[in-house]
Each structure stands twice: as structure tokens, then as C-alpha cells.
């Protein structure tokens, strides 16, 4: 297996890998943050699918009335699984907003907003990793004729706006929301850590004779 094939595999399935990570994170930390994140993501993907006919960017092989050929060959890993939202509003005919761009931008904004609320910024490392992973995925989809730049841009706009709106509504309406977004508050299962301004103070107790 070549390096290119490995990269194709990991980028094409990146939404599954990242979603599984969040589910495991919630499982081990005894919270439901992943399920709220996935619920908001599902709603965003449905809204994106409804936007497809309004944007009206038809897939190239449909626009040209032919199937992908040697000059416009979509890679086998463009859609490793059937698009569950393709039947919404005739969305199977259209390519924008790109679902992978929606996913990665939604995830990045959703995580970033929570991380900014925490003075310790515990999610910075993973957010940088997810950003690089998302960029690699979108570059792969562009180079492999899976998505054109306008499809990716539309996906970024829809994913980013929905993430900001849904996160803000959830976080600012109740304390429950504040506890169930990623990185905004530390979970009880995490180890106690001192920030830079806190210190332990030890005192010596004399024994009574």
C-alpha cells in the first residue's frame, strides 16, 4: 500500500474517525457532549442539503450530460458511502455546499468557540490537528475532482455559520449548555491541575508531647 493510498483512505474517512473520537471522549469522561455535537452537525448537514437546489451548482457530469470519464474522473473514495442527504430537495444533482467542507468547518468553529471560553484552552492541540486534517481532506477532494473550490467555499460558509449559531444558542441559554459543549468547562473525571497563578502551600505541624 502506497503513501498516497494511505492518505486517500484517512482523508476520505476523516468525518467518521473524528466523530468516533468524540463519542469515545464522551464515553470515557461520562458526559453527553458528543451527542449534542452530532445532533447539531446532523441538523447542519440537513440544512446544507436543502441549500443545494437554491445554490444550483450541478455536478459536472450531470451539467455536461455525461458520466465521469478520463478527463473528469471522480475518485472512488469521493463517496465511500452513499450520501444520506442526497434525496433532500433533489440534492443528488448538486455539489454545493460540499458535505466534507461543511463537516470540517462546523467542527473547527464548534470546538474553537468552546476552547476560547476556557482560560486554560485545553483543546488547542486537537483543534490544530483537526484543522490540518480538514485542510488535507479538502485539498484531496479538490485534486481528485470530488469537489470544486466553489463547493468547498459554500460548505465552509454554511458549516461555519451554523456552528456559530447553534453553539451560541446552546451555550448562552443555560448552564446545562455550558457543561455540554467541548472544552468550555473541565469534566470532573479529569485530573486536578493548577494554573500558573495557583500554588500549593505547605505548613509544618508540630507534634504535641
Protein backbone atom coordinates (compact mmCIF):
# COMPACT_ATOMS: atom_id res chain seq x y z
CA UNK A 1 0.00 0.00 0.00
CA UNK A 2 1.49 3.32 -1.08
CA UNK A 3 1.64 6.52 0.96
CA UNK A 4 -0.88 8.15 -1.42
CA UNK A 5 -3.37 5.33 -0.85
CA UNK A 6 -2.97 5.66 2.92
CA UNK A 7 -3.61 9.42 2.72
CA UNK A 8 -6.66 8.86 0.50
CA UNK A 9 -8.07 6.37 3.00
CA UNK A 10 -7.58 8.57 6.07
CA UNK A 11 -8.82 11.78 4.44
CA UNK A 12 -11.87 10.23 2.77
CA UNK A 13 -12.99 8.70 6.07
CA UNK A 14 -11.97 11.66 8.23
CA UNK A 15 -15.54 12.57 9.32
CA UNK A 16 -16.02 9.03 10.65
CA UNK A 17 -12.70 8.98 12.51
CA UNK A 18 -13.26 12.39 14.11
CA UNK A 19 -16.85 11.60 15.10
CA UNK A 20 -15.76 8.31 16.67
CA UNK A 21 -13.09 10.14 18.67
CA UNK A 22 -15.72 12.48 20.14
CA UNK A 23 -18.02 9.58 21.04
CA UNK A 24 -15.16 7.80 22.84
CA UNK A 25 -14.15 11.04 24.57
CA UNK A 26 -17.67 11.50 25.93
CA UNK A 27 -17.86 7.84 26.94
CA UNK A 28 -14.65 7.93 28.98
CA UNK A 29 -15.45 11.33 30.53
CA UNK A 30 -19.06 10.43 31.39
CA UNK A 31 -20.76 13.27 29.51
CA UNK A 32 -23.07 13.72 26.54
CA UNK A 33 -21.10 16.38 24.68
CA UNK A 34 -20.53 14.21 21.62
CA UNK A 35 -24.23 13.54 21.19
CA UNK A 36 -25.15 17.22 21.25
CA UNK A 37 -22.32 17.92 18.80
CA UNK A 38 -23.50 15.14 16.47
CA UNK A 39 -27.11 16.31 16.74
CA UNK A 40 -26.18 19.86 15.75
CA UNK A 41 -23.96 18.51 12.97
CA UNK A 42 -26.83 16.40 11.62
CA UNK A 43 -29.12 19.44 11.60
CA UNK A 44 -26.43 21.44 9.79
CA UNK A 45 -25.97 18.77 7.11
CA UNK A 46 -29.73 18.67 6.53
CA UNK A 47 -29.82 22.46 6.14
CA UNK A 48 -26.84 22.27 3.76
CA UNK A 49 -28.65 19.66 1.67
CA UNK A 50 -31.72 21.93 1.49
CA UNK A 51 -29.49 24.74 0.23
CA UNK A 52 -28.13 22.66 -2.67
CA UNK A 53 -31.01 23.33 -5.11
CA UNK A 54 -31.01 27.02 -4.13
CA UNK A 55 -27.30 27.38 -4.90
CA UNK A 56 -27.80 25.34 -8.05
CA UNK A 57 -24.26 24.10 -8.71
CA UNK A 58 -24.85 20.87 -10.61
CA UNK A 59 -22.31 18.09 -10.57
CA UNK A 60 -20.02 18.36 -13.63
CA UNK A 61 -21.05 15.08 -15.23
CA UNK A 62 -24.73 16.00 -14.87
CA UNK A 63 -24.19 19.50 -16.26
CA UNK A 64 -22.31 18.10 -19.27
CA UNK A 65 -24.84 15.26 -19.68
CA UNK A 66 -22.23 12.52 -19.45
CA UNK A 67 -20.66 10.29 -16.86
CA UNK A 68 -17.20 10.92 -15.45
CA UNK A 69 -14.60 9.90 -17.98
CA UNK A 70 -10.86 10.12 -18.40
CA UNK A 71 -10.93 13.92 -18.43
CA UNK A 72 -13.17 14.26 -15.35
CA UNK A 73 -12.77 11.16 -13.23
CA UNK A 74 -14.10 11.35 -9.69
CA UNK A 75 -12.04 9.23 -7.33
CA UNK A 76 -13.53 6.05 -5.89
CA UNK A 77 -13.14 7.47 -2.39
CA UNK A 78 -15.11 10.66 -3.12
CA UNK A 79 -18.17 9.00 -1.66
CA UNK A 80 -17.12 5.78 0.15
CA UNK A 81 -20.68 5.58 1.47
CA UNK A 82 -23.95 6.73 -0.07
CA UNK A 83 -24.79 10.34 0.78
CA UNK A 84 -27.68 10.08 3.29
CA UNK A 85 -28.82 13.62 2.44
CA UNK A 86 -28.76 13.29 -1.35
CA UNK A 87 -32.51 12.76 -1.62
CA UNK A 88 -33.41 16.00 0.17
CA UNK A 89 -34.75 18.52 -2.35
CA UNK A 90 -33.13 16.76 -5.29
CA UNK A 91 -29.74 17.21 -3.66
CA UNK A 92 -28.19 14.29 -5.54
CA UNK A 93 -27.96 16.54 -8.61
CA UNK A 94 -25.91 19.24 -6.88
CA UNK A 95 -22.42 19.52 -5.43
CA UNK A 96 -22.55 22.64 -3.23
CA UNK A 97 -22.27 23.00 -0.28
CA UNK A 98 -19.67 20.22 -0.13
CA UNK A 99 -20.56 17.91 2.82
CA UNK A 100 -16.93 17.39 3.88
CA UNK A 101 -16.31 21.14 3.92
CA UNK A 102 -19.48 21.56 6.00
CA UNK A 103 -18.28 18.91 8.45
CA UNK A 104 -14.74 20.19 8.95
CA UNK A 105 -15.68 23.87 9.21
CA UNK A 106 -18.57 23.15 11.57
CA UNK A 107 -16.29 21.05 13.78
CA UNK A 108 -13.49 23.62 13.80
CA UNK A 109 -15.75 26.55 14.74
CA UNK A 110 -17.71 24.50 17.29
CA UNK A 111 -14.53 23.38 19.09
CA UNK A 112 -12.84 26.77 18.83
CA UNK A 113 -15.74 28.62 20.46
CA UNK A 114 -15.68 26.30 23.47
CA UNK A 115 -11.90 26.44 23.76
CA UNK A 116 -11.94 30.25 23.81
CA UNK A 117 -14.26 30.23 26.84
CA UNK A 118 -11.74 28.29 28.94
CA UNK A 119 -8.71 30.24 30.24
CA UNK A 120 -6.63 27.03 30.11
CA UNK A 121 -7.52 26.39 26.43
CA UNK A 122 -7.41 22.59 26.83
CA UNK A 123 -8.43 21.80 23.25
CA UNK A 124 -5.79 23.81 21.39
CA UNK A 125 -3.71 20.80 20.36
CA UNK A 126 -6.62 18.81 18.98
CA UNK A 127 -8.12 21.85 17.23
CA UNK A 128 -4.84 22.42 15.36
CA UNK A 129 -4.75 18.72 14.44
CA UNK A 130 -8.37 18.83 13.22
CA UNK A 131 -7.69 21.97 11.19
CA UNK A 132 -4.74 20.35 9.40
CA UNK A 133 -6.74 17.14 8.89
CA UNK A 134 -9.64 19.11 7.41
CA UNK A 135 -7.37 21.07 5.05
CA UNK A 136 -5.79 17.83 3.81
CA UNK A 137 -9.23 16.34 3.20
CA UNK A 138 -10.48 19.36 1.24
CA UNK A 139 -7.28 19.54 -0.82
CA UNK A 140 -7.66 15.84 -1.61
CA UNK A 141 -11.28 16.34 -2.69
CA UNK A 142 -10.29 19.24 -4.91
CA UNK A 143 -7.35 17.41 -6.51
CA UNK A 144 -9.45 14.27 -7.03
CA UNK A 145 -12.34 16.17 -8.69
CA UNK A 146 -14.64 15.31 -5.80
CA UNK A 147 -15.44 18.96 -5.06
CA UNK A 148 -14.68 22.18 -6.91
CA UNK A 149 -13.41 25.24 -4.99
CA UNK A 150 -16.89 26.90 -5.02
CA UNK A 151 -18.40 23.75 -3.49
CA UNK A 152 -15.80 23.85 -0.71
CA UNK A 153 -16.30 27.57 -0.11
CA UNK A 154 -20.06 27.18 0.15
CA UNK A 155 -19.54 24.31 2.59
CA UNK A 156 -17.26 26.46 4.74
CA UNK A 157 -19.79 29.30 4.83
CA UNK A 158 -22.77 27.10 5.74
CA UNK A 159 -20.80 24.97 8.23
CA UNK A 160 -19.22 27.96 9.95
CA UNK A 161 -22.42 29.98 10.29
CA UNK A 162 -24.44 27.03 11.57
CA UNK A 163 -21.74 26.12 14.10
CA UNK A 164 -21.60 29.66 15.43
CA UNK A 165 -25.38 30.00 15.64
CA UNK A 166 -26.13 26.60 17.20
CA UNK A 167 -23.21 26.74 19.64
CA UNK A 168 -24.11 30.26 20.79
CA UNK A 169 -27.76 29.35 21.26
CA UNK A 170 -26.89 26.22 23.23
CA UNK A 171 -24.12 27.75 25.34
CA UNK A 172 -25.76 31.05 26.29
CA UNK A 173 -29.25 29.81 27.13
CA UNK A 174 -28.49 27.67 30.20
CA UNK A 175 -25.83 26.27 32.50
CA UNK A 176 -26.65 22.86 31.01
CA UNK A 177 -25.42 24.10 27.65
CA UNK A 178 -22.22 25.44 29.18
CA UNK A 179 -21.49 22.00 30.63
CA UNK A 180 -22.18 20.14 27.40
CA UNK A 181 -20.01 21.85 24.81
CA UNK A 182 -16.44 20.72 24.30
CA UNK A 183 -13.58 22.38 26.19
CA UNK A 184 -15.58 25.22 27.79
CA UNK A 185 -15.53 23.51 31.20
CA UNK A 186 -13.32 20.76 32.57
CA UNK A 187 -15.02 17.46 33.38
CA UNK A 188 -14.95 16.02 36.89
CA UNK A 189 -13.16 12.91 35.66
CA UNK A 190 -10.12 14.88 34.56
CA UNK A 191 -7.21 15.25 36.94
CA UNK A 192 -6.96 18.37 39.06
CA UNK A 193 -4.44 20.81 37.60
CA UNK A 194 -3.15 24.13 38.88
CA UNK A 195 -2.88 27.10 36.61
CA UNK A 196 0.16 29.36 36.63
CA UNK A 197 -1.26 31.69 39.29
CA UNK A 198 -2.02 28.90 41.79
CA UNK A 199 0.48 27.24 44.10
CA UNK A 200 0.46 24.65 46.86
CA UNK A 201 1.30 25.97 50.31
CA UNK A 202 2.75 23.54 52.86
CA UNK A 203 2.87 24.13 56.61
CA UNK A 204 4.74 22.13 59.23
CA UNK A 205 2.66 20.95 62.17
CA UNK A 206 4.48 20.37 65.44
CA UNK A 207 3.54 17.27 67.37
CA UNK A 208 2.35 17.72 70.91
CA UNK A 209 4.33 15.95 73.60
